[in-house]
C-alpha cells in the first residue's frame, strides 16, 4: 500500500496516535498532520505574481482553481533550495474564518505517513532550532530520533493566509485580463 494514500487521523488499532506526513526540507525532516493535507502533486511551473512576499513563489492552476504556493524555506528565513526531480507541492487546506483556503507548500521530497502517539511528542524547544519556535508544534520521537512537527496555523498565520488569499484573487484578475 502506498503510504501517501493513507487518510484519516489514525489507523485501526491505534486510536491514540495521530498521523503526520513527513517530508524533507533543507536536509531536515519535518512533518504536518495529515488532516490538513488535501493532496500531493508534482512540482510544475509556477506563475509569478508581482509584489508578493519573497516566500510566495507564485500560483498554480489546480483543476481550474488558482492556488498560491509558499516556499517554506523562505518562510523560515533561509535560502530557497534548488528544485529537483523529488521536489513536490503539498496542497494544504486551512480554515480561514468561515471559509477554506487552499495553499501549496514546496518541499524537497515527501517521505511517508507516520503514526506518532501523543506521549512521543515533546514540546517545541525554546532555543537551538533553526526556525522560529512558534512555527513548531512539537518534536516527534521516531526510531530514536526527532522530527519537527510544524504548527501549520502559525507557519500560515491568519495574516499570511489573508495575504495568500489576495494572491489568488490578484492572479485570477490577471488571468481574466
C-alpha atoms as a PDB file:
ATOM      1  CA  UNK A   1       0.000   0.000   0.000  1.00  0.00           C
ATOM      2  CA  UNK A   2       1.233   3.456  -0.863  1.00  0.00           C
ATOM      3  CA  UNK A   3       1.944   5.248   2.462  1.00  0.00           C
ATOM      4  CA  UNK A   4       0.796   8.532   0.957  1.00  0.00           C
ATOM      5  CA  UNK A   5      -2.675   7.123   0.278  1.00  0.00           C
ATOM      6  CA  UNK A   6      -3.443   6.776   3.997  1.00  0.00           C
ATOM      7  CA  UNK A   7      -6.208   9.091   5.158  1.00  0.00           C
ATOM      8  CA  UNK A   8      -7.987   9.859   8.393  1.00  0.00           C
ATOM      9  CA  UNK A   9      -6.490  10.743  11.742  1.00  0.00           C
ATOM     10  CA  UNK A  10      -5.481   7.279  12.901  1.00  0.00           C
ATOM     11  CA  UNK A  11      -5.071   3.742  11.722  1.00  0.00           C
ATOM     12  CA  UNK A  12      -7.172   0.847  13.017  1.00  0.00           C
ATOM     13  CA  UNK A  13      -5.959  -0.248  16.428  1.00  0.00           C
ATOM     14  CA  UNK A  14      -4.048   2.969  17.113  1.00  0.00           C
ATOM     15  CA  UNK A  15      -6.752   5.381  18.244  1.00  0.00           C
ATOM     16  CA  UNK A  16      -4.275   7.285  20.417  1.00  0.00           C
ATOM     17  CA  UNK A  17      -1.907   8.002  17.517  1.00  0.00           C
ATOM     18  CA  UNK A  18      -2.016  10.906  15.084  1.00  0.00           C
ATOM     19  CA  UNK A  19      -0.781  10.596  11.526  1.00  0.00           C
ATOM     20  CA  UNK A  20       1.738  13.012  10.058  1.00  0.00           C
ATOM     21  CA  UNK A  21       3.144  13.404   6.564  1.00  0.00           C
ATOM     22  CA  UNK A  22       6.934  13.578   6.818  1.00  0.00           C
ATOM     23  CA  UNK A  23       8.979  15.437   4.247  1.00  0.00           C
ATOM     24  CA  UNK A  24      12.473  16.771   3.649  1.00  0.00           C
ATOM     25  CA  UNK A  25      13.273  20.440   3.636  1.00  0.00           C
ATOM     26  CA  UNK A  26      16.839  21.703   3.548  1.00  0.00           C
ATOM     27  CA  UNK A  27      18.226  18.335   4.696  1.00  0.00           C
ATOM     28  CA  UNK A  28      15.937  18.149   7.750  1.00  0.00           C
ATOM     29  CA  UNK A  29      12.815  16.067   8.360  1.00  0.00           C
ATOM     30  CA  UNK A  30       9.594  17.952   9.059  1.00  0.00           C
ATOM     31  CA  UNK A  31       6.005  16.785   9.434  1.00  0.00           C
ATOM     32  CA  UNK A  32       2.471  18.144   9.073  1.00  0.00           C
ATOM     33  CA  UNK A  33      -0.676  16.487  10.411  1.00  0.00           C
ATOM     34  CA  UNK A  34      -2.428  14.735   7.530  1.00  0.00           C
ATOM     35  CA  UNK A  35      -5.858  16.098   8.383  1.00  0.00           C
ATOM     36  CA  UNK A  36      -4.985  19.426   6.718  1.00  0.00           C
ATOM     37  CA  UNK A  37      -3.354  17.850   3.661  1.00  0.00           C
ATOM     38  CA  UNK A  38      -5.572  17.733   0.599  1.00  0.00           C
ATOM     39  CA  UNK A  39      -3.107  16.151  -1.843  1.00  0.00           C
ATOM     40  CA  UNK A  40       0.474  15.996  -3.051  1.00  0.00           C
ATOM     41  CA  UNK A  41       1.331  16.990  -6.605  1.00  0.00           C
ATOM     42  CA  UNK A  42       4.442  17.006  -8.735  1.00  0.00           C
ATOM     43  CA  UNK A  43       6.289  20.308  -8.825  1.00  0.00           C
ATOM     44  CA  UNK A  44       5.488  22.133 -12.037  1.00  0.00           C
ATOM     45  CA  UNK A  45       5.958  25.614 -13.366  1.00  0.00           C
ATOM     46  CA  UNK A  46       4.582  28.403 -11.260  1.00  0.00           C
ATOM     47  CA  UNK A  47       3.157  31.661 -12.468  1.00  0.00           C
ATOM     48  CA  UNK A  48       4.846  34.569 -10.686  1.00  0.00           C
ATOM     49  CA  UNK A  49       2.656  37.279  -9.229  1.00  0.00           C
ATOM     50  CA  UNK A  50       4.270  40.712  -8.825  1.00  0.00           C
ATOM     51  CA  UNK A  51       4.519  42.481  -5.462  1.00  0.00           C
ATOM     52  CA  UNK A  52       4.208  39.349  -3.320  1.00  0.00           C
ATOM     53  CA  UNK A  53       6.334  38.496  -0.272  1.00  0.00           C
ATOM     54  CA  UNK A  54       9.525  36.535  -1.015  1.00  0.00           C
ATOM     55  CA  UNK A  55       8.103  33.341   0.462  1.00  0.00           C
ATOM     56  CA  UNK A  56       5.216  33.280  -2.049  1.00  0.00           C
ATOM     57  CA  UNK A  57       6.775  31.688  -5.126  1.00  0.00           C
ATOM     58  CA  UNK A  58       3.710  32.103  -7.341  1.00  0.00           C
ATOM     59  CA  UNK A  59       0.457  30.358  -8.168  1.00  0.00           C
ATOM     60  CA  UNK A  60      -0.577  27.130  -9.867  1.00  0.00           C
ATOM     61  CA  UNK A  61      -3.729  26.092 -11.656  1.00  0.00           C
ATOM     62  CA  UNK A  62      -5.178  23.167  -9.692  1.00  0.00           C
ATOM     63  CA  UNK A  63      -8.152  21.873 -11.678  1.00  0.00           C
ATOM     64  CA  UNK A  64      -9.262  25.397 -12.533  1.00  0.00           C
ATOM     65  CA  UNK A  65      -8.584  26.906  -9.111  1.00  0.00           C
ATOM     66  CA  UNK A  66      -5.803  29.427  -8.518  1.00  0.00           C
ATOM     67  CA  UNK A  67      -3.645  28.106  -5.661  1.00  0.00           C
ATOM     68  CA  UNK A  68      -0.859  30.227  -4.134  1.00  0.00           C
ATOM     69  CA  UNK A  69       2.397  28.348  -3.498  1.00  0.00           C
ATOM     70  CA  UNK A  70       4.610  29.096  -0.493  1.00  0.00           C
ATOM     71  CA  UNK A  71       8.312  28.331  -0.229  1.00  0.00           C
ATOM     72  CA  UNK A  72       8.731  27.035   3.340  1.00  0.00           C
ATOM     73  CA  UNK A  73      12.496  27.562   3.279  1.00  0.00           C
ATOM     74  CA  UNK A  74      11.994  31.260   2.522  1.00  0.00           C
ATOM     75  CA  UNK A  75       9.216  31.416   5.133  1.00  0.00           C
ATOM     76  CA  UNK A  76      11.724  30.092   7.674  1.00  0.00           C
ATOM     77  CA  UNK A  77      14.159  32.842   6.682  1.00  0.00           C
ATOM     78  CA  UNK A  78      16.514  30.537   4.810  1.00  0.00           C
ATOM     79  CA  UNK A  79      17.652  30.481   1.222  1.00  0.00           C
ATOM     80  CA  UNK A  80      15.335  28.574  -1.092  1.00  0.00           C
ATOM     81  CA  UNK A  81      16.600  25.159  -2.100  1.00  0.00           C
ATOM     82  CA  UNK A  82      17.029  24.019  -5.667  1.00  0.00           C
ATOM     83  CA  UNK A  83      14.087  22.293  -7.304  1.00  0.00           C
ATOM     84  CA  UNK A  84      14.905  18.637  -8.072  1.00  0.00           C
ATOM     85  CA  UNK A  85      13.099  15.602  -9.504  1.00  0.00           C
ATOM     86  CA  UNK A  86      11.837  14.779  -5.996  1.00  0.00           C
ATOM     87  CA  UNK A  87      10.521  18.288  -5.242  1.00  0.00           C
ATOM     88  CA  UNK A  88       6.763  18.457  -4.923  1.00  0.00           C
ATOM     89  CA  UNK A  89       3.947  20.662  -3.745  1.00  0.00           C
ATOM     90  CA  UNK A  90       1.894  19.642  -0.726  1.00  0.00           C
ATOM     91  CA  UNK A  91      -1.598  21.089  -1.025  1.00  0.00           C
ATOM     92  CA  UNK A  92      -2.880  22.173   2.403  1.00  0.00           C
ATOM     93  CA  UNK A  93      -6.463  23.163   3.159  1.00  0.00           C
ATOM     94  CA  UNK A  94      -6.777  25.609   6.046  1.00  0.00           C
ATOM     95  CA  UNK A  95      -9.769  27.044   7.875  1.00  0.00           C
ATOM     96  CA  UNK A  96      -9.703  30.798   7.450  1.00  0.00           C
ATOM     97  CA  UNK A  97     -12.623  32.142   9.419  1.00  0.00           C
ATOM     98  CA  UNK A  98     -15.754  30.769   7.798  1.00  0.00           C
ATOM     99  CA  UNK A  99     -14.101  29.690   4.547  1.00  0.00           C
ATOM    100  CA  UNK A 100     -11.452  27.243   3.382  1.00  0.00           C
ATOM    101  CA  UNK A 101      -8.139  28.463   1.953  1.00  0.00           C
ATOM    102  CA  UNK A 102      -6.066  26.130  -0.201  1.00  0.00           C
ATOM    103  CA  UNK A 103      -2.310  26.744  -0.184  1.00  0.00           C
ATOM    104  CA  UNK A 104       0.541  24.833  -1.776  1.00  0.00           C
ATOM    105  CA  UNK A 105       3.864  24.432   0.014  1.00  0.00           C
ATOM    106  CA  UNK A 106       7.063  23.408  -1.753  1.00  0.00           C
ATOM    107  CA  UNK A 107       9.023  20.565  -0.151  1.00  0.00           C
ATOM    108  CA  UNK A 108      12.268  18.903  -1.250  1.00  0.00           C
ATOM    109  CA  UNK A 109      10.830  15.373  -1.044  1.00  0.00           C
ATOM    110  CA  UNK A 110       7.929  13.563   0.603  1.00  0.00           C
ATOM    111  CA  UNK A 111       8.913  10.642   2.846  1.00  0.00           C
ATOM    112  CA  UNK A 112       5.960   8.781   4.372  1.00  0.00           C
ATOM    113  CA  UNK A 113       2.927   8.964   6.614  1.00  0.00           C
ATOM    114  CA  UNK A 114       3.826   8.037  10.182  1.00  0.00           C
ATOM    115  CA  UNK A 115       1.818   7.468  13.362  1.00  0.00           C
ATOM    116  CA  UNK A 116       3.007   9.356  16.424  1.00  0.00           C
ATOM    117  CA  UNK A 117       1.497   8.817  19.856  1.00  0.00           C
ATOM    118  CA  UNK A 118       0.891  11.973  21.928  1.00  0.00           C
ATOM    119  CA  UNK A 119       3.306  10.551  24.517  1.00  0.00           C
ATOM    120  CA  UNK A 120       6.028  10.594  21.822  1.00  0.00           C
ATOM    121  CA  UNK A 121       5.675  14.328  21.198  1.00  0.00           C
ATOM    122  CA  UNK A 122       7.956  16.640  23.146  1.00  0.00           C
ATOM    123  CA  UNK A 123       7.360  20.395  23.474  1.00  0.00           C
ATOM    124  CA  UNK A 124       8.986  22.720  20.985  1.00  0.00           C
ATOM    125  CA  UNK A 125      12.492  23.711  22.056  1.00  0.00           C
ATOM    126  CA  UNK A 126      12.897  27.243  23.319  1.00  0.00           C
ATOM    127  CA  UNK A 127      16.297  27.512  21.638  1.00  0.00           C
ATOM    128  CA  UNK A 128      18.527  25.703  19.179  1.00  0.00           C
ATOM    129  CA  UNK A 129      16.004  25.251  16.358  1.00  0.00           C
ATOM    130  CA  UNK A 130      16.864  26.955  13.105  1.00  0.00           C
ATOM    131  CA  UNK A 131      13.280  28.121  12.618  1.00  0.00           C
ATOM    132  CA  UNK A 132      11.092  30.316  14.803  1.00  0.00           C
ATOM    133  CA  UNK A 133       9.785  28.437  17.841  1.00  0.00           C
ATOM    134  CA  UNK A 134       6.191  29.457  17.197  1.00  0.00           C
ATOM    135  CA  UNK A 135       6.316  27.543  13.894  1.00  0.00           C
ATOM    136  CA  UNK A 136       6.995  24.292  15.794  1.00  0.00           C
ATOM    137  CA  UNK A 137       4.098  22.328  17.274  1.00  0.00           C
ATOM    138  CA  UNK A 138       6.441  19.835  18.890  1.00  0.00           C
ATOM    139  CA  UNK A 139       9.211  17.322  18.345  1.00  0.00           C
ATOM    140  CA  UNK A 140       8.018  13.842  17.371  1.00  0.00           C
ATOM    141  CA  UNK A 141      10.126  10.895  18.529  1.00  0.00           C
ATOM    142  CA  UNK A 142      10.587   8.347  15.756  1.00  0.00           C
ATOM    143  CA  UNK A 143      13.118   5.495  15.707  1.00  0.00           C
ATOM    144  CA  UNK A 144      15.353   7.127  18.307  1.00  0.00           C
ATOM    145  CA  UNK A 145      15.424  10.495  16.555  1.00  0.00           C
ATOM    146  CA  UNK A 146      13.267  13.585  16.317  1.00  0.00           C
ATOM    147  CA  UNK A 147      11.237  15.126  13.533  1.00  0.00           C
ATOM    148  CA  UNK A 148       9.967  18.694  13.663  1.00  0.00           C
ATOM    149  CA  UNK A 149       6.167  18.839  13.762  1.00  0.00           C
ATOM    150  CA  UNK A 150       5.096  22.090  12.152  1.00  0.00           C
ATOM    151  CA  UNK A 151       2.282  24.199  13.527  1.00  0.00           C
ATOM    152  CA  UNK A 152       0.548  24.916  10.241  1.00  0.00           C
ATOM    153  CA  UNK A 153      -1.668  27.590  11.804  1.00  0.00           C
ATOM    154  CA  UNK A 154       1.443  29.544  12.807  1.00  0.00           C
ATOM    155  CA  UNK A 155       3.507  28.907   9.681  1.00  0.00           C
ATOM    156  CA  UNK A 156       0.493  30.027   7.674  1.00  0.00           C
ATOM    157  CA  UNK A 157      -0.779  32.593  10.193  1.00  0.00           C
ATOM    158  CA  UNK A 158      -4.079  34.376   9.703  1.00  0.00           C
ATOM    159  CA  UNK A 159      -2.259  37.430   8.360  1.00  0.00           C
ATOM    160  CA  UNK A 160      -0.294  35.252   5.952  1.00  0.00           C
ATOM    161  CA  UNK A 161      -3.428  33.380   4.876  1.00  0.00           C
ATOM    162  CA  UNK A 162      -5.114  36.704   4.136  1.00  0.00           C
ATOM    163  CA  UNK A 163      -2.094  37.762   2.079  1.00  0.00           C
ATOM    164  CA  UNK A 164      -2.153  34.410   0.275  1.00  0.00           C
ATOM    165  CA  UNK A 165      -5.884  34.806  -0.374  1.00  0.00           C
ATOM    166  CA  UNK A 166      -5.125  38.152  -2.000  1.00  0.00           C
ATOM    167  CA  UNK A 167      -2.539  36.394  -4.210  1.00  0.00           C
ATOM    168  CA  UNK A 168      -5.232  34.075  -5.527  1.00  0.00           C
ATOM    169  CA  UNK A 169      -7.582  36.987  -6.168  1.00  0.00           C
ATOM    170  CA  UNK A 170      -4.852  39.035  -7.862  1.00  0.00           C
ATOM    171  CA  UNK A 171      -3.769  36.075 -10.013  1.00  0.00           C
ATOM    172  CA  UNK A 172      -7.361  35.353 -11.034  1.00  0.00           C
ATOM    173  CA  UNK A 173      -7.730  39.009 -12.047  1.00  0.00           C
ATOM    174  CA  UNK A 174      -4.538  38.791 -14.128  1.00  0.00           C
ATOM    175  CA  UNK A 175      -5.814  35.686 -15.917  1.00  0.00           C
ATOM    176  CA  UNK A 176      -9.110  37.403 -16.742  1.00  0.00           C
ATOM    177  CA  UNK A 177      -7.389  40.469 -18.166  1.00  0.00           C
END
